[in-house]
PDB file of N, CA and C in Angstrom:
ATOM      1  N   UNK A   1      92.729  99.152  92.719  1.00  0.00           N
ATOM      2  CA  UNK A   1      91.963 100.269  92.332  1.00  0.00           C
ATOM      3  C   UNK A   1      93.131 101.119  92.167  1.00  0.00           C
ATOM      4  N   UNK A   2      92.163 102.078  91.139  1.00  0.00           N
ATOM      5  CA  UNK A   2      93.121 103.278  90.403  1.00  0.00           C
ATOM      6  C   UNK A   2      93.135 104.747  91.688  1.00  0.00           C
ATOM      7  N   UNK A   3      93.912 105.832  91.065  1.00  0.00           N
ATOM      8  CA  UNK A   3      93.967 106.707  92.187  1.00  0.00           C
ATOM      9  C   UNK A   3      92.706 107.359  91.613  1.00  0.00           C
ATOM     10  N   UNK A   4      92.170 107.350  90.358  1.00  0.00           N
ATOM     11  CA  UNK A   4      90.850 107.470  90.293  1.00  0.00           C
ATOM     12  C   UNK A   4      89.660 106.640  90.908  1.00  0.00           C
ATOM     13  N   UNK A   5      89.754 105.575  91.544  1.00  0.00           N
ATOM     14  CA  UNK A   5      89.054 104.534  92.162  1.00  0.00           C
ATOM     15  C   UNK A   5      88.943 105.376  93.748  1.00  0.00           C
ATOM     16  N   UNK A   6      90.267 105.437  94.094  1.00  0.00           N
ATOM     17  CA  UNK A   6      90.165 106.101  95.303  1.00  0.00           C
ATOM     18  C   UNK A   6      89.523 107.157  95.415  1.00  0.00           C
ATOM     19  N   UNK A   7      89.417 107.961  94.765  1.00  0.00           N
ATOM     20  CA  UNK A   7      89.183 109.527  94.428  1.00  0.00           C
ATOM     21  C   UNK A   7      87.435 109.078  94.609  1.00  0.00           C
ATOM     22  N   UNK A   8      87.136 108.212  93.794  1.00  0.00           N
ATOM     23  CA  UNK A   8      85.605 107.311  93.892  1.00  0.00           C
ATOM     24  C   UNK A   8      85.086 107.286  95.165  1.00  0.00           C
ATOM     25  N   UNK A   9      86.050 106.587  95.773  1.00  0.00           N
ATOM     26  CA  UNK A   9      85.575 106.109  96.979  1.00  0.00           C
ATOM     27  C   UNK A   9      85.395 106.748  98.002  1.00  0.00           C
ATOM     28  N   UNK A  10      86.286 107.674  97.910  1.00  0.00           N
ATOM     29  CA  UNK A  10      86.259 109.030  99.332  1.00  0.00           C
ATOM     30  C   UNK A  10      85.305 110.094  98.622  1.00  0.00           C
ATOM     31  N   UNK A  11      84.871 110.309  97.608  1.00  0.00           N
ATOM     32  CA  UNK A  11      83.024 111.075  97.528  1.00  0.00           C
ATOM     33  C   UNK A  11      82.350 110.041  97.862  1.00  0.00           C
ATOM     34  N   UNK A  12      82.454 108.736  97.931  1.00  0.00           N
ATOM     35  CA  UNK A  12      81.172 108.103  98.383  1.00  0.00           C
ATOM     36  C   UNK A  12      80.929 108.038  99.530  1.00  0.00           C
ATOM     37  N   UNK A  13      82.717 108.398 100.373  1.00  0.00           N
ATOM     38  CA  UNK A  13      82.505 108.098 101.787  1.00  0.00           C
ATOM     39  C   UNK A  13      82.237 109.102 102.308  1.00  0.00           C
ATOM     40  N   UNK A  14      82.325 110.801 101.425  1.00  0.00           N
ATOM     41  CA  UNK A  14      81.569 111.956 101.978  1.00  0.00           C
ATOM     42  C   UNK A  14      80.408 111.904 102.055  1.00  0.00           C
ATOM     43  N   UNK A  15      80.021 111.626 100.885  1.00  0.00           N
ATOM     44  CA  UNK A  15      78.287 111.590 100.523  1.00  0.00           C
ATOM     45  C   UNK A  15      77.615 110.472 101.713  1.00  0.00           C
ATOM     46  N   UNK A  16      78.130 110.113 102.240  1.00  0.00           N
ATOM     47  CA  UNK A  16      77.833 108.966 103.151  1.00  0.00           C
ATOM     48  C   UNK A  16      77.689 109.694 104.293  1.00  0.00           C
ATOM     49  N   UNK A  17      78.839 110.560 104.701  1.00  0.00           N
ATOM     50  CA  UNK A  17      79.150 111.232 105.683  1.00  0.00           C
ATOM     51  C   UNK A  17      78.190 112.206 106.259  1.00  0.00           C
ATOM     52  N   UNK A  18      77.337 113.014 105.156  1.00  0.00           N
ATOM     53  CA  UNK A  18      76.881 113.591 104.865  1.00  0.00           C
ATOM     54  C   UNK A  18      75.026 113.324 104.955  1.00  0.00           C
ATOM     55  N   UNK A  19      74.903 112.329 103.978  1.00  0.00           N
ATOM     56  CA  UNK A  19      73.523 111.812 104.011  1.00  0.00           C
ATOM     57  C   UNK A  19      73.169 110.248 104.031  1.00  0.00           C
ATOM     58  N   UNK A  20      74.002 109.642 104.626  1.00  0.00           N
ATOM     59  CA  UNK A  20      74.278 108.055 104.631  1.00  0.00           C
ATOM     60  C   UNK A  20      72.947 107.392 105.395  1.00  0.00           C
ATOM     61  N   UNK A  21      72.393 108.105 106.036  1.00  0.00           N
ATOM     62  CA  UNK A  21      71.726 107.241 107.060  1.00  0.00           C
ATOM     63  C   UNK A  21      71.436 106.044 107.750  1.00  0.00           C
ATOM     64  N   UNK A  22      70.827 105.557 107.896  1.00  0.00           N
ATOM     65  CA  UNK A  22      70.904 104.597 109.312  1.00  0.00           C
ATOM     66  C   UNK A  22      71.164 103.349 108.013  1.00  0.00           C
ATOM     67  N   UNK A  23      70.917 103.186 107.091  1.00  0.00           N
ATOM     68  CA  UNK A  23      71.521 102.178 106.190  1.00  0.00           C
ATOM     69  C   UNK A  23      73.033 102.011 105.925  1.00  0.00           C
ATOM     70  N   UNK A  24      73.367 102.773 106.093  1.00  0.00           N
ATOM     71  CA  UNK A  24      74.659 103.219 105.800  1.00  0.00           C
ATOM     72  C   UNK A  24      76.037 103.149 106.588  1.00  0.00           C
ATOM     73  N   UNK A  25      76.575 101.717 106.625  1.00  0.00           N
ATOM     74  CA  UNK A  25      77.931 101.420 107.168  1.00  0.00           C
ATOM     75  C   UNK A  25      78.871 102.465 107.708  1.00  0.00           C
ATOM     76  N   UNK A  26      78.987 103.571 106.426  1.00  0.00           N
ATOM     77  CA  UNK A  26      79.932 104.395 106.805  1.00  0.00           C
ATOM     78  C   UNK A  26      79.543 105.335 107.585  1.00  0.00           C
ATOM     79  N   UNK A  27      78.341 106.105 107.403  1.00  0.00           N
ATOM     80  CA  UNK A  27      77.198 106.838 108.609  1.00  0.00           C
ATOM     81  C   UNK A  27      77.335 105.905 110.182  1.00  0.00           C
ATOM     82  N   UNK A  28      77.390 104.971 110.290  1.00  0.00           N
ATOM     83  CA  UNK A  28      77.181 104.191 111.466  1.00  0.00           C
ATOM     84  C   UNK A  28      78.327 104.071 112.031  1.00  0.00           C
ATOM     85  N   UNK A  29      79.229 103.662 111.110  1.00  0.00           N
ATOM     86  CA  UNK A  29      80.921 103.989 111.760  1.00  0.00           C
ATOM     87  C   UNK A  29      81.272 105.486 112.499  1.00  0.00           C
ATOM     88  N   UNK A  30      80.862 106.560 111.629  1.00  0.00           N
ATOM     89  CA  UNK A  30      81.337 107.868 111.768  1.00  0.00           C
ATOM     90  C   UNK A  30      80.611 108.327 112.654  1.00  0.00           C
ATOM     91  N   UNK A  31      79.307 107.634 112.825  1.00  0.00           N
ATOM     92  CA  UNK A  31      78.312 108.076 114.440  1.00  0.00           C
ATOM     93  C   UNK A  31      78.956 107.626 115.526  1.00  0.00           C
ATOM     94  N   UNK A  32      79.552 106.289 115.736  1.00  0.00           N
ATOM     95  CA  UNK A  32      80.489 105.923 117.247  1.00  0.00           C
ATOM     96  C   UNK A  32      81.540 106.363 117.124  1.00  0.00           C
ATOM     97  N   UNK A  33      81.983 107.225 116.523  1.00  0.00           N
ATOM     98  CA  UNK A  33      82.984 108.659 116.480  1.00  0.00           C
ATOM     99  C   UNK A  33      85.117 107.778 116.512  1.00  0.00           C
ATOM    100  N   UNK A  34      85.580 108.774 116.521  1.00  0.00           N
ATOM    101  CA  UNK A  34      86.685 108.688 116.180  1.00  0.00           C
ATOM    102  C   UNK A  34      87.818 107.309 116.520  1.00  0.00           C
ATOM    103  N   UNK A  35      87.585 107.544 117.829  1.00  0.00           N
ATOM    104  CA  UNK A  35      87.909 106.182 118.627  1.00  0.00           C
ATOM    105  C   UNK A  35      88.009 104.679 117.764  1.00  0.00           C
ATOM    106  N   UNK A  36      86.579 104.630 117.706  1.00  0.00           N
ATOM    107  CA  UNK A  36      85.924 103.510 116.771  1.00  0.00           C
ATOM    108  C   UNK A  36      86.130 103.172 115.583  1.00  0.00           C
ATOM    109  N   UNK A  37      86.727 104.155 114.892  1.00  0.00           N
ATOM    110  CA  UNK A  37      86.824 104.291 113.514  1.00  0.00           C
ATOM    111  C   UNK A  37      89.147 103.776 113.542  1.00  0.00           C
ATOM    112  N   UNK A  38      89.015 104.557 114.709  1.00  0.00           N
ATOM    113  CA  UNK A  38      91.069 104.605 114.784  1.00  0.00           C
ATOM    114  C   UNK A  38      91.048 102.830 115.154  1.00  0.00           C
ATOM    115  N   UNK A  39      90.308 102.045 115.704  1.00  0.00           N
ATOM    116  CA  UNK A  39      90.135 101.078 116.075  1.00  0.00           C
ATOM    117  C   UNK A  39      89.707  99.899 114.896  1.00  0.00           C
ATOM    118  N   UNK A  40      89.094 100.366 114.050  1.00  0.00           N
ATOM    119  CA  UNK A  40      89.018  99.504 112.705  1.00  0.00           C
ATOM    120  C   UNK A  40      90.181  99.639 112.442  1.00  0.00           C
ATOM    121  N   UNK A  41      90.884 100.895 112.200  1.00  0.00           N
ATOM    122  CA  UNK A  41      91.637 100.817 111.072  1.00  0.00           C
ATOM    123  C   UNK A  41      92.853 100.149 111.610  1.00  0.00           C
ATOM    124  N   UNK A  42      93.069  99.994 113.006  1.00  0.00           N
ATOM    125  CA  UNK A  42      93.715  99.279 113.791  1.00  0.00           C
ATOM    126  C   UNK A  42      93.656  97.765 113.196  1.00  0.00           C
ATOM    127  N   UNK A  43      92.821  97.219 113.567  1.00  0.00           N
ATOM    128  CA  UNK A  43      92.592  95.668 113.405  1.00  0.00           C
ATOM    129  C   UNK A  43      92.600  95.476 111.923  1.00  0.00           C
ATOM    130  N   UNK A  44      92.372  96.148 111.180  1.00  0.00           N
ATOM    131  CA  UNK A  44      92.229  96.251 109.081  1.00  0.00           C
ATOM    132  C   UNK A  44      93.870  96.127 109.149  1.00  0.00           C
ATOM    133  N   UNK A  45      94.533  97.036 109.599  1.00  0.00           N
ATOM    134  CA  UNK A  45      96.246  96.735 109.333  1.00  0.00           C
ATOM    135  C   UNK A  45      96.659  95.419 109.727  1.00  0.00           C
ATOM    136  N   UNK A  46      96.118  95.358 111.012  1.00  0.00           N
ATOM    137  CA  UNK A  46      96.498  93.899 111.462  1.00  0.00           C
ATOM    138  C   UNK A  46      96.576  92.519 110.599  1.00  0.00           C
ATOM    139  N   UNK A  47      95.293  92.912 110.412  1.00  0.00           N
ATOM    140  CA  UNK A  47      94.733  91.469 109.586  1.00  0.00           C
ATOM    141  C   UNK A  47      95.349  91.659 107.560  1.00  0.00           C
ATOM    142  N   UNK A  48      95.920  92.990 107.758  1.00  0.00           N
ATOM    143  CA  UNK A  48      96.566  93.326 106.243  1.00  0.00           C
ATOM    144  C   UNK A  48      98.246  92.399 106.586  1.00  0.00           C
ATOM    145  N   UNK A  49      98.699  92.824 107.661  1.00  0.00           N
ATOM    146  CA  UNK A  49      99.983  91.627 107.912  1.00  0.00           C
ATOM    147  C   UNK A  49      99.824  90.344 108.084  1.00  0.00           C
ATOM    148  N   UNK A  50      98.430  89.765 108.961  1.00  0.00           N
ATOM    149  CA  UNK A  50      98.761  88.540 108.762  1.00  0.00           C
ATOM    150  C   UNK A  50      98.168  88.103 107.725  1.00  0.00           C
ATOM    151  N   UNK A  51      97.753  88.549 106.279  1.00  0.00           N
ATOM    152  CA  UNK A  51      97.303  87.955 104.922  1.00  0.00           C
ATOM    153  C   UNK A  51      98.701  88.188 104.403  1.00  0.00           C
ATOM    154  N   UNK A  52      99.316  88.617 104.958  1.00  0.00           N
ATOM    155  CA  UNK A  52     100.762  88.832 104.042  1.00  0.00           C
ATOM    156  C   UNK A  52     101.777  87.775 104.144  1.00  0.00           C
ATOM    157  N   UNK A  53     101.669  87.940 105.429  1.00  0.00           N
ATOM    158  CA  UNK A  53     102.670  86.599 106.198  1.00  0.00           C
ATOM    159  C   UNK A  53     101.819  85.426 105.743  1.00  0.00           C
ATOM    160  N   UNK A  54     100.533  85.031 105.228  1.00  0.00           N
ATOM    161  CA  UNK A  54     100.369  83.793 104.977  1.00  0.00           C
ATOM    162  C   UNK A  54     100.113  83.766 103.582  1.00  0.00           C
ATOM    163  N   UNK A  55     100.524  84.543 103.030  1.00  0.00           N
ATOM    164  CA  UNK A  55     101.138  84.421 101.513  1.00  0.00           C
ATOM    165  C   UNK A  55      99.990  84.162 100.824  1.00  0.00           C
ATOM    166  N   UNK A  56      98.403  84.755 100.959  1.00  0.00           N
ATOM    167  CA  UNK A  56      97.371  84.247 100.138  1.00  0.00           C
ATOM    168  C   UNK A  56      96.871  85.286  99.625  1.00  0.00           C
ATOM    169  N   UNK A  57      97.036  85.398  98.803  1.00  0.00           N
ATOM    170  CA  UNK A  57      96.410  87.086  98.071  1.00  0.00           C
ATOM    171  C   UNK A  57      95.435  87.264  97.372  1.00  0.00           C
ATOM    172  N   UNK A  58      94.276  86.212  97.355  1.00  0.00           N
ATOM    173  CA  UNK A  58      92.785  86.618  97.213  1.00  0.00           C
ATOM    174  C   UNK A  58      92.620  87.430  98.800  1.00  0.00           C
ATOM    175  N   UNK A  59      93.123  87.185  99.979  1.00  0.00           N
ATOM    176  CA  UNK A  59      92.746  87.061 101.188  1.00  0.00           C
ATOM    177  C   UNK A  59      93.342  89.056 101.437  1.00  0.00           C
ATOM    178  N   UNK A  60      94.618  88.628 100.898  1.00  0.00           N
ATOM    179  CA  UNK A  60      95.691  90.117 101.408  1.00  0.00           C
ATOM    180  C   UNK A  60      94.771  91.202 100.707  1.00  0.00           C
ATOM    181  N   UNK A  61      94.479  90.849  99.277  1.00  0.00           N
ATOM    182  CA  UNK A  61      94.149  91.735  98.345  1.00  0.00           C
ATOM    183  C   UNK A  61      92.796  92.786  99.154  1.00  0.00           C
ATOM    184  N   UNK A  62      92.045  91.810  99.801  1.00  0.00           N
ATOM    185  CA  UNK A  62      90.476  92.477 100.358  1.00  0.00           C
ATOM    186  C   UNK A  62      90.795  92.466 101.995  1.00  0.00           C
ATOM    187  N   UNK A  63      92.120  92.572 102.363  1.00  0.00           N
ATOM    188  CA  UNK A  63      92.307  92.865 103.437  1.00  0.00           C
ATOM    189  C   UNK A  63      93.133  94.200 103.289  1.00  0.00           C
ATOM    190  N   UNK A  64      93.591  94.378 102.225  1.00  0.00           N
ATOM    191  CA  UNK A  64      93.932  95.832 101.514  1.00  0.00           C
ATOM    192  C   UNK A  64      92.974  96.384 101.247  1.00  0.00           C
ATOM    193  N   UNK A  65      91.847  96.133 100.600  1.00  0.00           N
ATOM    194  CA  UNK A  65      91.065  96.989 100.039  1.00  0.00           C
ATOM    195  C   UNK A  65      89.832  97.610 101.631  1.00  0.00           C
ATOM    196  N   UNK A  66      89.787  96.623 102.449  1.00  0.00           N
ATOM    197  CA  UNK A  66      89.394  97.074 104.059  1.00  0.00           C
ATOM    198  C   UNK A  66      90.298  98.199 104.347  1.00  0.00           C
ATOM    199  N   UNK A  67      91.772  98.081 104.631  1.00  0.00           N
ATOM    200  CA  UNK A  67      92.638  99.021 105.075  1.00  0.00           C
ATOM    201  C   UNK A  67      92.128 100.461 104.731  1.00  0.00           C
ATOM    202  N   UNK A  68      92.340 100.031 102.850  1.00  0.00           N
ATOM    203  CA  UNK A  68      91.939 101.649 102.547  1.00  0.00           C
ATOM    204  C   UNK A  68      90.792 102.268 102.814  1.00  0.00           C
ATOM    205  N   UNK A  69      89.608 101.544 102.737  1.00  0.00           N
ATOM    206  CA  UNK A  69      88.109 102.175 102.837  1.00  0.00           C
ATOM    207  C   UNK A  69      88.563 102.379 104.165  1.00  0.00           C
ATOM    208  N   UNK A  70      88.647 101.966 105.298  1.00  0.00           N
ATOM    209  CA  UNK A  70      88.953 102.482 107.091  1.00  0.00           C
ATOM    210  C   UNK A  70      89.878 103.732 106.784  1.00  0.00           C
ATOM    211  N   UNK A  71      90.785 103.830 106.568  1.00  0.00           N
ATOM    212  CA  UNK A  71      91.810 105.292 106.374  1.00  0.00           C
ATOM    213  C   UNK A  71      91.193 106.409 105.624  1.00  0.00           C
ATOM    214  N   UNK A  72      90.121 106.251 104.428  1.00  0.00           N
ATOM    215  CA  UNK A  72      89.520 106.981 103.588  1.00  0.00           C
ATOM    216  C   UNK A  72      88.696 107.713 104.970  1.00  0.00           C
ATOM    217  N   UNK A  73      87.636 106.958 106.026  1.00  0.00           N
ATOM    218  CA  UNK A  73      87.068 107.067 106.305  1.00  0.00           C
ATOM    219  C   UNK A  73      87.201 107.932 107.370  1.00  0.00           C
ATOM    220  N   UNK A  74      88.693 107.873 108.426  1.00  0.00           N
ATOM    221  CA  UNK A  74      89.231 108.616 109.292  1.00  0.00           C
ATOM    222  C   UNK A  74      89.569 109.770 108.451  1.00  0.00           C
ATOM    223  N   UNK A  75      90.376 109.514 107.172  1.00  0.00           N
ATOM    224  CA  UNK A  75      90.373 110.745 107.126  1.00  0.00           C
ATOM    225  C   UNK A  75      89.170 112.179 106.773  1.00  0.00           C
ATOM    226  N   UNK A  76      88.528 111.233 106.731  1.00  0.00           N
ATOM    227  CA  UNK A  76      87.073 112.399 106.096  1.00  0.00           C
ATOM    228  C   UNK A  76      86.725 112.889 107.227  1.00  0.00           C
ATOM    229  N   UNK A  77      86.972 112.215 108.661  1.00  0.00           N
ATOM    230  CA  UNK A  77      85.906 112.648 109.487  1.00  0.00           C
ATOM    231  C   UNK A  77      87.276 113.846 110.429  1.00  0.00           C
ATOM    232  N   UNK A  78      88.383 113.314 109.635  1.00  0.00           N
ATOM    233  CA  UNK A  78      90.263 114.467 109.882  1.00  0.00           C
ATOM    234  C   UNK A  78      89.814 115.879 109.059  1.00  0.00           C
ATOM    235  N   UNK A  79      89.148 115.448 108.172  1.00  0.00           N
ATOM    236  CA  UNK A  79      89.137 116.537 106.854  1.00  0.00           C
ATOM    237  C   UNK A  79      90.425 116.472 106.095  1.00  0.00           C
ATOM    238  N   UNK A  80      91.008 115.617 105.843  1.00  0.00           N
ATOM    239  CA  UNK A  80      92.161 115.068 105.429  1.00  0.00           C
ATOM    240  C   UNK A  80      91.923 115.033 103.607  1.00  0.00           C
ATOM    241  N   UNK A  81      92.302 115.587 102.721  1.00  0.00           N
ATOM    242  CA  UNK A  81      91.983 114.937 101.585  1.00  0.00           C
ATOM    243  C   UNK A  81      93.031 113.847 100.794  1.00  0.00           C
ATOM    244  N   UNK A  82      92.473 113.239 100.050  1.00  0.00           N
ATOM    245  CA  UNK A  82      93.506 112.497  99.124  1.00  0.00           C
ATOM    246  C   UNK A  82      94.619 113.495  98.576  1.00  0.00           C
ATOM    247  N   UNK A  83      93.867 114.783  97.751  1.00  0.00           N
ATOM    248  CA  UNK A  83      94.724 115.855  97.253  1.00  0.00           C
ATOM    249  C   UNK A  83      96.176 116.240  98.112  1.00  0.00           C
ATOM    250  N   UNK A  84      95.549 116.726  99.709  1.00  0.00           N
ATOM    251  CA  UNK A  84      96.637 116.472 100.261  1.00  0.00           C
ATOM    252  C   UNK A  84      97.473 115.623 100.698  1.00  0.00           C
ATOM    253  N   UNK A  85      97.173 114.202 100.913  1.00  0.00           N
ATOM    254  CA  UNK A  85      98.366 113.679 101.300  1.00  0.00           C
ATOM    255  C   UNK A  85      99.109 112.677  99.869  1.00  0.00           C
ATOM    256  N   UNK A  86      98.322 113.197  98.588  1.00  0.00           N
ATOM    257  CA  UNK A  86      99.342 113.410  97.295  1.00  0.00           C
ATOM    258  C   UNK A  86      99.879 114.584  97.001  1.00  0.00           C
ATOM    259  N   UNK A  87      99.791 115.342  96.983  1.00  0.00           N
ATOM    260  CA  UNK A  87     101.059 116.822  97.235  1.00  0.00           C
ATOM    261  C   UNK A  87     102.397 116.523  98.386  1.00  0.00           C
ATOM    262  N   UNK A  88     101.825 116.034  98.978  1.00  0.00           N
ATOM    263  CA  UNK A  88     102.807 115.362 100.552  1.00  0.00           C
ATOM    264  C   UNK A  88     103.831 114.366  99.688  1.00  0.00           C
ATOM    265  N   UNK A  89     103.292 113.115  99.001  1.00  0.00           N
ATOM    266  CA  UNK A  89     103.848 112.070  98.350  1.00  0.00           C
ATOM    267  C   UNK A  89     104.877 112.792  97.457  1.00  0.00           C
ATOM    268  N   UNK A  90     104.089 113.817  96.259  1.00  0.00           N
ATOM    269  CA  UNK A  90     104.909 114.387  95.513  1.00  0.00           C
ATOM    270  C   UNK A  90     105.783 115.179  95.779  1.00  0.00           C
ATOM    271  N   UNK A  91     106.134 115.895  96.721  1.00  0.00           N
ATOM    272  CA  UNK A  91     107.154 116.673  97.647  1.00  0.00           C
ATOM    273  C   UNK A  91     108.217 115.659  98.113  1.00  0.00           C
ATOM    274  N   UNK A  92     107.930 114.435  98.505  1.00  0.00           N
ATOM    275  CA  UNK A  92     109.089 113.546  99.237  1.00  0.00           C
ATOM    276  C   UNK A  92     109.495 112.713  97.829  1.00  0.00           C
ATOM    277  N   UNK A  93     108.877 112.953  96.230  1.00  0.00           N
ATOM    278  CA  UNK A  93     109.420 111.877  95.683  1.00  0.00           C
ATOM    279  C   UNK A  93     110.318 113.152  94.930  1.00  0.00           C
ATOM    280  N   UNK A  94     110.844 113.944  95.436  1.00  0.00           N
ATOM    281  CA  UNK A  94     112.208 115.188  94.695  1.00  0.00           C
ATOM    282  C   UNK A  94     113.528 114.569  95.787  1.00  0.00           C
ATOM    283  N   UNK A  95     113.444 113.525  96.122  1.00  0.00           N
ATOM    284  CA  UNK A  95     114.433 113.138  96.763  1.00  0.00           C
ATOM    285  C   UNK A  95     114.825 111.845  97.341  1.00  0.00           C
ATOM    286  N   UNK A  96     115.672 111.332  97.659  1.00  0.00           N
ATOM    287  CA  UNK A  96     115.407 109.850  97.596  1.00  0.00           C
ATOM    288  C   UNK A  96     114.701 109.551  99.358  1.00  0.00           C
ATOM    289  N   UNK A  97     114.274 108.967  99.634  1.00  0.00           N
ATOM    290  CA  UNK A  97     113.507 108.158 100.642  1.00  0.00           C
ATOM    291  C   UNK A  97     114.548 108.159 101.945  1.00  0.00           C
ATOM    292  N   UNK A  98     116.042 107.956 102.187  1.00  0.00           N
ATOM    293  CA  UNK A  98     116.358 108.107 103.119  1.00  0.00           C
ATOM    294  C   UNK A  98     117.000 109.996 103.330  1.00  0.00           C
ATOM    295  N   UNK A  99     117.081 110.318 102.308  1.00  0.00           N
ATOM    296  CA  UNK A  99     117.171 111.930 102.714  1.00  0.00           C
ATOM    297  C   UNK A  99     116.150 112.589 102.937  1.00  0.00           C
ATOM    298  N   UNK A 100     115.302 112.014 102.748  1.00  0.00           N
ATOM    299  CA  UNK A 100     113.755 112.729 102.773  1.00  0.00           C
ATOM    300  C   UNK A 100     113.368 112.273 104.712  1.00  0.00           C
ATOM    301  N   UNK A 101     113.447 111.219 104.939  1.00  0.00           N
ATOM    302  CA  UNK A 101     113.446 110.948 106.690  1.00  0.00           C
ATOM    303  C   UNK A 101     114.849 111.500 107.517  1.00  0.00           C
ATOM    304  N   UNK A 102     115.536 111.331 106.889  1.00  0.00           N
ATOM    305  CA  UNK A 102     116.745 112.317 107.281  1.00  0.00           C
ATOM    306  C   UNK A 102     116.124 113.986 107.804  1.00  0.00           C
ATOM    307  N   UNK A 103     115.889 115.030 106.811  1.00  0.00           N
ATOM    308  CA  UNK A 103     114.863 115.922 106.891  1.00  0.00           C
ATOM    309  C   UNK A 103     113.749 116.036 107.785  1.00  0.00           C
ATOM    310  N   UNK A 104     113.193 114.979 107.882  1.00  0.00           N
ATOM    311  CA  UNK A 104     112.193 115.269 109.123  1.00  0.00           C
ATOM    312  C   UNK A 104     112.916 115.211 110.212  1.00  0.00           C
ATOM    313  N   UNK A 105     113.981 114.782 110.495  1.00  0.00           N
ATOM    314  CA  UNK A 105     114.132 114.444 112.068  1.00  0.00           C
ATOM    315  C   UNK A 105     114.720 115.815 112.300  1.00  0.00           C
ATOM    316  N   UNK A 106     115.549 116.455 111.769  1.00  0.00           N
ATOM    317  CA  UNK A 106     115.905 118.177 111.865  1.00  0.00           C
ATOM    318  C   UNK A 106     115.041 118.710 112.364  1.00  0.00           C
ATOM    319  N   UNK A 107     115.115 119.659 113.652  1.00  0.00           N
ATOM    320  CA  UNK A 107     114.132 120.398 113.895  1.00  0.00           C
ATOM    321  C   UNK A 107     113.931 121.752 113.245  1.00  0.00           C
TER     322      UNK A 107
END
């Protein structure tokens, strides 16, 4: 999925968060609260790892899609946008990963 596709998915999640109704999985998940969303996010992360180790590409791609969806739902509830995350990533790319990590450890 392109960044544009992630933006579209985030927009759909935001819409369903507002007006999803009883037929919306997104709305139901949000109504269950952040602990349930985080539990699902953790489950999906574990499923990604298992699928990666099993080396079954179609399953891995599906699990990654599920993980991204649940991550975007959590971000919606916490009020974090893709633009905000992208800006942070862009800022980190001006130096090597090792330099960036070392800089974060300093108070």
